[in-house]
């Protein structure tokens, strides 16, 4: 298990972020810390001046256990988001926790004809937007979230993530 302490590098993005990353996966081709920070920061954008996120990268067994225990779905999923539920008076920068299942991301990238890097970026942006309160339960919310994800990913130089559905 590799743990990468978060960096507070204003050169990575305008938002002051702390991304604490734990790599509990043996999957190859995992993004490096700078890439992960860039994608999380792009999703946060100007919505926060400072943010703290914990990221856990897992393999399928752990991803399945977490998805089963927290969502009642007994299969590994690509990304899980656990927003911090803090009283507003604490005024802390903690956004919450993300869990990404590396083998699922790799498999989905292949199935969708995308690069692994593009799909990783999408999963980090998608999960971070959930931490910020965005969701896709209602159609209108899904449309707004997908449009925002597309804008962010295009700004990062990646293709539109939902282009294959059009």
N, C-alpha and C. Protein backbone atom coordinates (compact mmCIF):
# COMPACT_ATOMS: atom_id res chain seq x y z
N UNK A 1 0.83 -1.17 0.00
CA UNK A 1 0.00 0.00 0.00
C UNK A 1 0.88 1.24 0.00
N UNK A 2 0.71 2.09 -0.97
CA UNK A 2 1.44 3.35 -1.03
C UNK A 2 0.53 4.48 -0.58
N UNK A 3 1.06 5.34 0.25
CA UNK A 3 0.32 6.53 0.64
C UNK A 3 1.09 7.73 0.16
N UNK A 4 0.42 8.62 -0.54
CA UNK A 4 1.05 9.85 -1.00
C UNK A 4 0.44 11.00 -0.22
N UNK A 5 1.24 11.70 0.56
CA UNK A 5 0.66 12.83 1.28
C UNK A 5 0.18 13.89 0.31
N UNK A 6 -0.84 14.59 0.71
CA UNK A 6 -1.35 15.65 -0.14
C UNK A 6 -0.35 16.76 -0.30
N UNK A 7 -0.45 17.44 -1.41
CA UNK A 7 0.42 18.58 -1.60
C UNK A 7 -0.41 19.84 -1.54
N UNK A 8 0.19 20.90 -1.21
CA UNK A 8 -0.48 22.19 -1.19
C UNK A 8 0.30 23.07 -2.16
N UNK A 9 0.17 22.74 -3.42
CA UNK A 9 0.98 23.34 -4.46
C UNK A 9 0.14 24.30 -5.30
N UNK A 10 0.26 25.60 -5.07
CA UNK A 10 -0.55 26.55 -5.83
C UNK A 10 -0.21 26.57 -7.31
N UNK A 11 0.93 25.98 -7.70
CA UNK A 11 1.26 25.93 -9.12
C UNK A 11 0.43 24.87 -9.84
N UNK A 12 -0.11 23.89 -9.10
CA UNK A 12 -0.93 22.85 -9.70
C UNK A 12 -2.28 23.41 -10.09
N UNK A 13 -2.86 24.28 -9.25
CA UNK A 13 -4.13 24.90 -9.57
C UNK A 13 -4.34 26.11 -8.66
N UNK A 14 -5.33 26.90 -9.01
CA UNK A 14 -5.60 28.12 -8.23
C UNK A 14 -6.20 27.82 -6.87
N UNK A 15 -6.98 26.75 -6.77
CA UNK A 15 -7.56 26.36 -5.50
C UNK A 15 -6.47 25.68 -4.68
N UNK A 16 -6.40 25.99 -3.43
CA UNK A 16 -5.44 25.35 -2.55
C UNK A 16 -6.03 24.01 -2.14
N UNK A 17 -5.48 22.92 -2.69
CA UNK A 17 -6.04 21.61 -2.38
C UNK A 17 -5.04 20.77 -1.61
N UNK A 18 -5.60 19.91 -0.80
CA UNK A 18 -4.84 18.85 -0.16
C UNK A 18 -5.50 17.56 -0.62
N UNK A 19 -4.77 16.75 -1.36
CA UNK A 19 -5.27 15.47 -1.83
C UNK A 19 -4.42 14.39 -1.20
N UNK A 20 -5.00 13.70 -0.23
CA UNK A 20 -4.31 12.59 0.43
C UNK A 20 -4.68 11.32 -0.31
N UNK A 21 -3.69 10.67 -0.90
CA UNK A 21 -3.92 9.52 -1.75
C UNK A 21 -3.33 8.26 -1.14
N UNK A 22 -4.16 7.23 -1.08
CA UNK A 22 -3.69 5.91 -0.66
C UNK A 22 -3.90 4.96 -1.83
N UNK A 23 -2.82 4.30 -2.23
CA UNK A 23 -2.87 3.36 -3.35
C UNK A 23 -2.89 1.94 -2.80
N UNK A 24 -4.10 1.38 -2.72
CA UNK A 24 -4.26 0.02 -2.21
C UNK A 24 -4.53 -0.93 -3.37
N UNK A 25 -4.07 -0.57 -4.55
CA UNK A 25 -4.28 -1.36 -5.75
C UNK A 25 -2.93 -1.75 -6.35
N UNK A 26 -2.91 -2.92 -6.94
CA UNK A 26 -1.70 -3.38 -7.64
C UNK A 26 -1.83 -3.19 -9.15
N UNK A 27 -2.86 -2.49 -9.56
CA UNK A 27 -3.10 -2.27 -10.99
C UNK A 27 -1.95 -1.47 -11.60
N UNK A 28 -1.61 -1.79 -12.84
CA UNK A 28 -0.58 -1.00 -13.53
C UNK A 28 -1.14 0.32 -14.04
N UNK A 29 -0.27 1.20 -14.43
CA UNK A 29 -0.65 2.44 -15.12
C UNK A 29 -1.53 3.38 -14.31
N UNK A 30 -1.32 3.43 -13.00
CA UNK A 30 -2.09 4.36 -12.19
C UNK A 30 -1.58 5.78 -12.43
N UNK A 31 -2.47 6.76 -12.43
CA UNK A 31 -2.04 8.15 -12.61
C UNK A 31 -1.12 8.58 -11.46
N UNK A 32 -0.25 9.53 -11.75
CA UNK A 32 0.61 10.02 -10.69
C UNK A 32 -0.11 11.09 -9.87
N UNK A 33 0.48 11.47 -8.77
CA UNK A 33 -0.15 12.41 -7.85
C UNK A 33 -0.47 13.75 -8.50
N UNK A 34 0.43 14.25 -9.34
CA UNK A 34 0.19 15.55 -10.00
C UNK A 34 -1.03 15.49 -10.91
N UNK A 35 -1.21 14.37 -11.62
CA UNK A 35 -2.39 14.23 -12.48
C UNK A 35 -3.66 14.21 -11.64
N UNK A 36 -3.65 13.42 -10.58
CA UNK A 36 -4.82 13.32 -9.71
C UNK A 36 -5.20 14.69 -9.15
N UNK A 37 -4.21 15.42 -8.68
CA UNK A 37 -4.45 16.76 -8.13
C UNK A 37 -5.01 17.70 -9.19
N UNK A 38 -4.48 17.63 -10.37
CA UNK A 38 -4.94 18.51 -11.46
C UNK A 38 -6.41 18.26 -11.77
N UNK A 39 -6.81 16.99 -11.81
CA UNK A 39 -8.19 16.66 -12.15
C UNK A 39 -9.16 17.05 -11.03
N UNK A 40 -8.77 16.78 -9.79
CA UNK A 40 -9.62 17.18 -8.67
C UNK A 40 -9.76 18.70 -8.64
N UNK A 41 -8.65 19.38 -8.83
CA UNK A 41 -8.66 20.84 -8.80
C UNK A 41 -9.52 21.42 -9.93
N UNK A 42 -9.45 20.81 -11.10
CA UNK A 42 -10.26 21.29 -12.22
C UNK A 42 -11.75 21.18 -11.90
N UNK A 43 -12.13 20.11 -11.22
CA UNK A 43 -13.53 19.94 -10.85
C UNK A 43 -13.96 20.96 -9.80
N UNK A 44 -13.07 21.26 -8.88
CA UNK A 44 -13.40 22.23 -7.83
C UNK A 44 -13.47 23.63 -8.42
N UNK A 45 -12.55 23.94 -9.32
CA UNK A 45 -12.55 25.23 -9.98
C UNK A 45 -12.59 26.38 -8.99
N UNK A 46 -13.45 27.34 -9.26
CA UNK A 46 -13.57 28.51 -8.39
C UNK A 46 -14.64 28.31 -7.31
N UNK A 47 -15.14 27.09 -7.18
CA UNK A 47 -16.21 26.84 -6.21
C UNK A 47 -15.73 26.88 -4.77
N UNK A 48 -14.45 26.67 -4.57
CA UNK A 48 -13.86 26.69 -3.23
C UNK A 48 -12.48 27.32 -3.31
N UNK A 49 -12.08 28.06 -2.28
CA UNK A 49 -10.73 28.61 -2.22
C UNK A 49 -9.75 27.57 -1.72
N UNK A 50 -10.26 26.65 -0.89
CA UNK A 50 -9.42 25.62 -0.30
C UNK A 50 -10.26 24.35 -0.18
N UNK A 51 -9.63 23.21 -0.43
CA UNK A 51 -10.36 21.94 -0.35
C UNK A 51 -9.42 20.83 0.08
N UNK A 52 -9.98 19.90 0.82
CA UNK A 52 -9.24 18.72 1.26
C UNK A 52 -10.04 17.49 0.86
N UNK A 53 -9.38 16.57 0.15
CA UNK A 53 -10.02 15.35 -0.33
C UNK A 53 -9.11 14.18 -0.02
N UNK A 54 -9.71 13.07 0.40
CA UNK A 54 -8.97 11.82 0.56
C UNK A 54 -9.35 10.92 -0.60
N UNK A 55 -8.36 10.29 -1.19
CA UNK A 55 -8.57 9.40 -2.33
C UNK A 55 -7.99 8.04 -2.01
N UNK A 56 -8.79 7.00 -2.18
CA UNK A 56 -8.35 5.63 -2.00
C UNK A 56 -8.51 4.92 -3.33
N UNK A 57 -7.41 4.37 -3.85
CA UNK A 57 -7.43 3.62 -5.10
C UNK A 57 -7.38 2.14 -4.73
N UNK A 58 -8.40 1.39 -5.17
CA UNK A 58 -8.55 0.00 -4.74
C UNK A 58 -8.62 -0.96 -5.92
N UNK A 59 -8.52 -2.25 -5.60
CA UNK A 59 -8.77 -3.31 -6.56
C UNK A 59 -10.22 -3.75 -6.43
N UNK A 60 -10.62 -4.74 -7.23
CA UNK A 60 -12.03 -5.10 -7.32
C UNK A 60 -12.64 -5.64 -6.03
N UNK A 61 -11.93 -6.45 -5.28
CA UNK A 61 -12.52 -7.03 -4.07
C UNK A 61 -12.90 -5.93 -3.07
N UNK A 62 -12.01 -4.98 -2.86
CA UNK A 62 -12.31 -3.89 -1.93
C UNK A 62 -13.38 -2.97 -2.50
N UNK A 63 -13.31 -2.70 -3.81
CA UNK A 63 -14.33 -1.87 -4.45
C UNK A 63 -15.71 -2.49 -4.34
N UNK A 64 -15.79 -3.81 -4.52
CA UNK A 64 -17.08 -4.50 -4.41
C UNK A 64 -17.59 -4.45 -2.97
N UNK A 65 -16.71 -4.68 -2.00
CA UNK A 65 -17.12 -4.66 -0.59
C UNK A 65 -17.65 -3.27 -0.20
N UNK A 66 -16.98 -2.23 -0.62
CA UNK A 66 -17.42 -0.87 -0.28
C UNK A 66 -18.75 -0.54 -0.96
N UNK A 67 -18.88 -0.90 -2.23
CA UNK A 67 -20.12 -0.63 -2.95
C UNK A 67 -21.28 -1.41 -2.33
N UNK A 68 -21.03 -2.65 -1.91
CA UNK A 68 -22.06 -3.46 -1.26
C UNK A 68 -22.44 -2.87 0.10
N UNK A 69 -21.42 -2.52 0.89
CA UNK A 69 -21.68 -2.05 2.26
C UNK A 69 -22.34 -0.68 2.29
N UNK A 70 -21.98 0.21 1.37
CA UNK A 70 -22.48 1.58 1.43
C UNK A 70 -23.62 1.89 0.46
N UNK A 71 -23.72 1.10 -0.61
CA UNK A 71 -24.79 1.38 -1.58
C UNK A 71 -25.74 0.21 -1.79
N UNK A 72 -25.41 -0.95 -1.16
CA UNK A 72 -26.26 -2.12 -1.31
C UNK A 72 -26.18 -2.76 -2.67
N UNK A 73 -25.09 -2.50 -3.41
CA UNK A 73 -24.91 -3.05 -4.76
C UNK A 73 -23.66 -3.93 -4.74
N UNK A 74 -23.86 -5.23 -4.96
CA UNK A 74 -22.80 -6.21 -4.77
C UNK A 74 -21.94 -6.42 -6.02
N UNK A 75 -21.30 -5.35 -6.46
CA UNK A 75 -20.35 -5.42 -7.58
C UNK A 75 -19.41 -4.22 -7.45
N UNK A 76 -18.20 -4.33 -8.00
CA UNK A 76 -17.30 -3.17 -7.94
C UNK A 76 -17.77 -2.11 -8.92
N UNK A 77 -17.66 -0.86 -8.51
CA UNK A 77 -18.04 0.25 -9.38
C UNK A 77 -16.82 1.13 -9.60
N UNK A 78 -16.90 2.05 -10.54
CA UNK A 78 -15.74 2.85 -10.91
C UNK A 78 -15.33 3.84 -9.82
N UNK A 79 -16.28 4.63 -9.31
CA UNK A 79 -15.94 5.64 -8.31
C UNK A 79 -17.06 5.75 -7.28
N UNK A 80 -16.67 5.86 -6.04
CA UNK A 80 -17.59 6.11 -4.94
C UNK A 80 -17.21 7.44 -4.30
N UNK A 81 -18.22 8.21 -3.95
CA UNK A 81 -17.99 9.51 -3.31
C UNK A 81 -18.68 9.53 -1.96
N UNK A 82 -17.94 9.99 -0.97
CA UNK A 82 -18.46 10.10 0.38
C UNK A 82 -18.27 11.54 0.85
N UNK A 83 -19.27 12.41 0.59
CA UNK A 83 -19.14 13.82 1.00
C UNK A 83 -19.02 13.95 2.52
N UNK A 84 -18.20 14.88 2.95
CA UNK A 84 -18.07 15.16 4.38
C UNK A 84 -19.38 15.75 4.87
N UNK A 85 -19.81 15.33 6.02
CA UNK A 85 -21.06 15.82 6.60
C UNK A 85 -20.71 16.57 7.88
N UNK A 86 -20.18 17.76 7.70
CA UNK A 86 -19.71 18.57 8.82
C UNK A 86 -20.68 19.70 9.11
N UNK A 87 -20.84 20.06 10.38
CA UNK A 87 -21.65 21.23 10.68
C UNK A 87 -21.02 22.48 10.07
N UNK A 88 -21.81 23.37 9.47
CA UNK A 88 -21.27 24.54 8.78
C UNK A 88 -20.41 25.43 9.68
N UNK A 89 -20.71 25.45 10.97
CA UNK A 89 -19.94 26.31 11.87
C UNK A 89 -18.49 25.87 12.01
N UNK A 90 -18.16 24.63 11.63
CA UNK A 90 -16.76 24.18 11.69
C UNK A 90 -15.90 24.87 10.64
N UNK A 91 -16.51 25.20 9.49
CA UNK A 91 -15.82 25.94 8.44
C UNK A 91 -14.47 25.31 8.07
N UNK A 92 -14.47 23.99 7.86
CA UNK A 92 -13.27 23.27 7.46
C UNK A 92 -13.28 23.04 5.95
N UNK A 93 -12.12 22.91 5.32
CA UNK A 93 -12.07 22.72 3.87
C UNK A 93 -12.35 21.28 3.42
N UNK A 94 -12.64 20.36 4.35
CA UNK A 94 -12.82 18.95 4.01
C UNK A 94 -14.04 18.75 3.12
N UNK A 95 -13.80 18.22 1.92
CA UNK A 95 -14.90 17.90 1.00
C UNK A 95 -15.40 16.48 1.22
N UNK A 96 -14.48 15.55 1.44
CA UNK A 96 -14.88 14.16 1.64
C UNK A 96 -13.88 13.19 1.07
N UNK A 97 -14.37 11.96 0.84
CA UNK A 97 -13.52 10.86 0.39
C UNK A 97 -13.99 10.34 -0.96
N UNK A 98 -13.01 9.98 -1.78
CA UNK A 98 -13.28 9.31 -3.05
C UNK A 98 -12.62 7.94 -3.01
N UNK A 99 -13.29 6.96 -3.61
CA UNK A 99 -12.71 5.63 -3.79
C UNK A 99 -12.82 5.31 -5.27
N UNK A 100 -11.69 4.99 -5.89
CA UNK A 100 -11.69 4.63 -7.31
C UNK A 100 -11.18 3.20 -7.44
N UNK A 101 -11.93 2.39 -8.16
CA UNK A 101 -11.55 0.99 -8.41
C UNK A 101 -10.78 0.94 -9.73
N UNK A 102 -9.46 0.81 -9.61
CA UNK A 102 -8.58 0.88 -10.78
C UNK A 102 -8.91 -0.15 -11.87
N UNK A 103 -9.14 -1.42 -11.55
CA UNK A 103 -9.45 -2.37 -12.62
C UNK A 103 -10.76 -2.04 -13.35
N UNK A 104 -11.74 -1.51 -12.65
CA UNK A 104 -13.00 -1.14 -13.30
C UNK A 104 -12.76 0.03 -14.25
N UNK A 105 -11.99 1.01 -13.82
CA UNK A 105 -11.69 2.16 -14.69
C UNK A 105 -10.97 1.68 -15.95
N UNK A 106 -9.99 0.79 -15.79
CA UNK A 106 -9.25 0.28 -16.95
C UNK A 106 -10.18 -0.48 -17.89
N UNK A 107 -11.04 -1.34 -17.34
CA UNK A 107 -11.95 -2.13 -18.16
C UNK A 107 -12.94 -1.22 -18.90
N UNK A 108 -13.51 -0.25 -18.19
CA UNK A 108 -14.47 0.66 -18.82
C UNK A 108 -13.81 1.48 -19.93
N UNK A 109 -12.59 1.90 -19.71
CA UNK A 109 -11.89 2.69 -20.74
C UNK A 109 -11.78 1.87 -22.02
N UNK A 110 -11.40 0.60 -21.89
CA UNK A 110 -11.30 -0.27 -23.06
C UNK A 110 -12.66 -0.46 -23.72
N UNK A 111 -13.68 -0.76 -22.92
CA UNK A 111 -15.03 -0.98 -23.44
C UNK A 111 -15.57 0.25 -24.15
N UNK A 112 -15.23 1.43 -23.65
CA UNK A 112 -15.75 2.68 -24.21
C UNK A 112 -14.83 3.28 -25.28
N UNK A 113 -13.71 2.61 -25.57
CA UNK A 113 -12.79 3.10 -26.59
C UNK A 113 -12.09 4.39 -26.20
N UNK A 114 -11.83 4.56 -24.89
CA UNK A 114 -11.18 5.76 -24.38
C UNK A 114 -9.81 5.40 -23.85
N UNK A 115 -8.94 6.39 -23.74
CA UNK A 115 -7.66 6.13 -23.07
C UNK A 115 -7.93 5.98 -21.58
N UNK A 116 -7.08 5.20 -20.91
CA UNK A 116 -7.22 5.07 -19.46
C UNK A 116 -7.07 6.43 -18.79
N UNK A 117 -6.14 7.24 -19.29
CA UNK A 117 -5.92 8.55 -18.68
C UNK A 117 -7.17 9.41 -18.77
N UNK A 118 -7.82 9.42 -19.93
CA UNK A 118 -9.05 10.20 -20.09
C UNK A 118 -10.14 9.70 -19.16
N UNK A 119 -10.25 8.39 -18.99
CA UNK A 119 -11.30 7.85 -18.13
C UNK A 119 -10.98 8.11 -16.65
N UNK A 120 -9.71 8.01 -16.27
CA UNK A 120 -9.32 8.38 -14.90
C UNK A 120 -9.69 9.83 -14.61
N UNK A 121 -9.37 10.72 -15.56
CA UNK A 121 -9.69 12.13 -15.38
C UNK A 121 -11.19 12.30 -15.18
N UNK A 122 -11.97 11.60 -16.01
CA UNK A 122 -13.42 11.70 -15.92
C UNK A 122 -13.90 11.21 -14.54
N UNK A 123 -13.38 10.09 -14.07
CA UNK A 123 -13.83 9.55 -12.79
C UNK A 123 -13.48 10.48 -11.62
N UNK A 124 -12.29 11.12 -11.68
CA UNK A 124 -11.92 12.06 -10.61
C UNK A 124 -12.79 13.31 -10.67
N UNK A 125 -13.06 13.81 -11.86
CA UNK A 125 -13.93 14.98 -12.00
C UNK A 125 -15.34 14.62 -11.54
N UNK A 126 -15.85 13.51 -11.99
CA UNK A 126 -17.21 13.07 -11.63
C UNK A 126 -17.35 12.91 -10.11
N UNK A 127 -16.41 12.19 -9.51
CA UNK A 127 -16.47 11.97 -8.07
C UNK A 127 -16.35 13.25 -7.28
N UNK A 128 -15.46 14.15 -7.71
CA UNK A 128 -15.28 15.42 -7.00
C UNK A 128 -16.54 16.27 -7.10
N UNK A 129 -17.19 16.26 -8.25
CA UNK A 129 -18.45 17.00 -8.37
C UNK A 129 -19.50 16.46 -7.41
N UNK A 130 -19.52 15.15 -7.20
CA UNK A 130 -20.43 14.59 -6.19
C UNK A 130 -20.09 15.14 -4.81
N UNK A 131 -18.80 15.23 -4.50
CA UNK A 131 -18.40 15.78 -3.20
C UNK A 131 -18.87 17.22 -3.03
N UNK A 132 -18.98 17.92 -4.15
CA UNK A 132 -19.43 19.32 -4.12
C UNK A 132 -20.96 19.45 -4.12
N UNK A 133 -21.66 18.31 -4.16
CA UNK A 133 -23.11 18.34 -4.06
C UNK A 133 -23.86 18.09 -5.35
N UNK A 134 -23.17 17.88 -6.45
CA UNK A 134 -23.84 17.58 -7.71
C UNK A 134 -24.31 16.13 -7.71
N UNK A 135 -25.44 15.86 -8.39
CA UNK A 135 -25.87 14.48 -8.54
C UNK A 135 -26.56 14.30 -9.89
N UNK A 136 -26.92 13.06 -10.18
CA UNK A 136 -27.54 12.75 -11.46
C UNK A 136 -28.76 11.86 -11.27
N UNK A 137 -29.47 12.07 -10.17
CA UNK A 137 -30.66 11.28 -9.89
C UNK A 137 -31.81 11.71 -10.79
N UNK A 138 -32.07 13.00 -10.81
CA UNK A 138 -33.13 13.55 -11.68
C UNK A 138 -32.52 13.89 -13.04
N UNK A 139 -33.32 13.77 -14.09
CA UNK A 139 -32.82 14.01 -15.45
C UNK A 139 -32.20 15.40 -15.61
N UNK A 140 -32.84 16.41 -15.08
CA UNK A 140 -32.33 17.78 -15.22
C UNK A 140 -30.98 17.93 -14.51
N UNK A 141 -30.86 17.31 -13.33
CA UNK A 141 -29.59 17.35 -12.61
C UNK A 141 -28.52 16.58 -13.36
N UNK A 142 -28.90 15.45 -13.94
CA UNK A 142 -27.94 14.65 -14.72
C UNK A 142 -27.45 15.44 -15.93
N UNK A 143 -28.36 16.11 -16.61
CA UNK A 143 -27.96 16.92 -17.77
C UNK A 143 -26.99 18.03 -17.36
N UNK A 144 -27.29 18.70 -16.25
CA UNK A 144 -26.41 19.78 -15.78
C UNK A 144 -25.04 19.24 -15.37
N UNK A 145 -25.03 18.11 -14.65
CA UNK A 145 -23.76 17.54 -14.21
C UNK A 145 -22.93 17.07 -15.40
N UNK A 146 -23.57 16.40 -16.35
CA UNK A 146 -22.85 15.92 -17.53
C UNK A 146 -22.30 17.08 -18.35
N UNK A 147 -23.05 18.15 -18.46
CA UNK A 147 -22.57 19.32 -19.20
C UNK A 147 -21.34 19.92 -18.50
N UNK A 148 -21.38 19.99 -17.18
CA UNK A 148 -20.25 20.51 -16.42
C UNK A 148 -19.04 19.59 -16.55
N UNK A 149 -19.24 18.28 -16.44
CA UNK A 149 -18.14 17.33 -16.62
C UNK A 149 -17.51 17.50 -18.00
N UNK A 150 -18.36 17.62 -19.01
CA UNK A 150 -17.86 17.77 -20.38
C UNK A 150 -17.03 19.04 -20.50
N UNK A 151 -17.53 20.14 -19.97
CA UNK A 151 -16.79 21.42 -20.02
C UNK A 151 -15.43 21.29 -19.34
N UNK A 152 -15.39 20.69 -18.16
CA UNK A 152 -14.15 20.54 -17.41
C UNK A 152 -13.17 19.66 -18.17
N UNK A 153 -13.65 18.53 -18.68
CA UNK A 153 -12.75 17.61 -19.38
C UNK A 153 -12.23 18.20 -20.69
N UNK A 154 -13.08 18.93 -21.40
CA UNK A 154 -12.61 19.61 -22.61
C UNK A 154 -11.53 20.64 -22.26
N UNK A 155 -11.74 21.38 -21.17
CA UNK A 155 -10.74 22.36 -20.71
C UNK A 155 -9.42 21.68 -20.35
N UNK A 156 -9.49 20.45 -19.88
CA UNK A 156 -8.29 19.69 -19.54
C UNK A 156 -7.63 19.06 -20.77
N UNK A 157 -8.28 19.17 -21.92
CA UNK A 157 -7.72 18.62 -23.15
C UNK A 157 -8.16 17.20 -23.47
N UNK A 158 -9.20 16.72 -22.79
CA UNK A 158 -9.72 15.38 -23.04
C UNK A 158 -10.97 15.48 -23.90
N UNK A 159 -11.31 14.39 -24.60
CA UNK A 159 -12.55 14.40 -25.38
C UNK A 159 -13.78 14.44 -24.47
N UNK A 160 -14.90 14.82 -25.03
CA UNK A 160 -16.16 14.84 -24.30
C UNK A 160 -16.46 13.43 -23.79
N UNK A 161 -16.74 13.28 -22.49
CA UNK A 161 -16.87 11.93 -21.93
C UNK A 161 -18.13 11.18 -22.34
N UNK A 162 -19.16 11.90 -22.77
CA UNK A 162 -20.42 11.25 -23.11
C UNK A 162 -20.67 11.26 -24.62
N UNK A 163 -19.67 11.54 -25.41
CA UNK A 163 -19.82 11.64 -26.87
C UNK A 163 -20.28 10.32 -27.48
N UNK A 164 -19.92 9.20 -26.87
CA UNK A 164 -20.30 7.90 -27.42
C UNK A 164 -21.79 7.64 -27.32
N UNK A 165 -22.52 8.41 -26.51
CA UNK A 165 -23.97 8.22 -26.36
C UNK A 165 -24.74 9.06 -27.36
N UNK A 166 -24.07 9.95 -28.05
CA UNK A 166 -24.78 10.85 -28.97
C UNK A 166 -24.97 10.25 -30.33
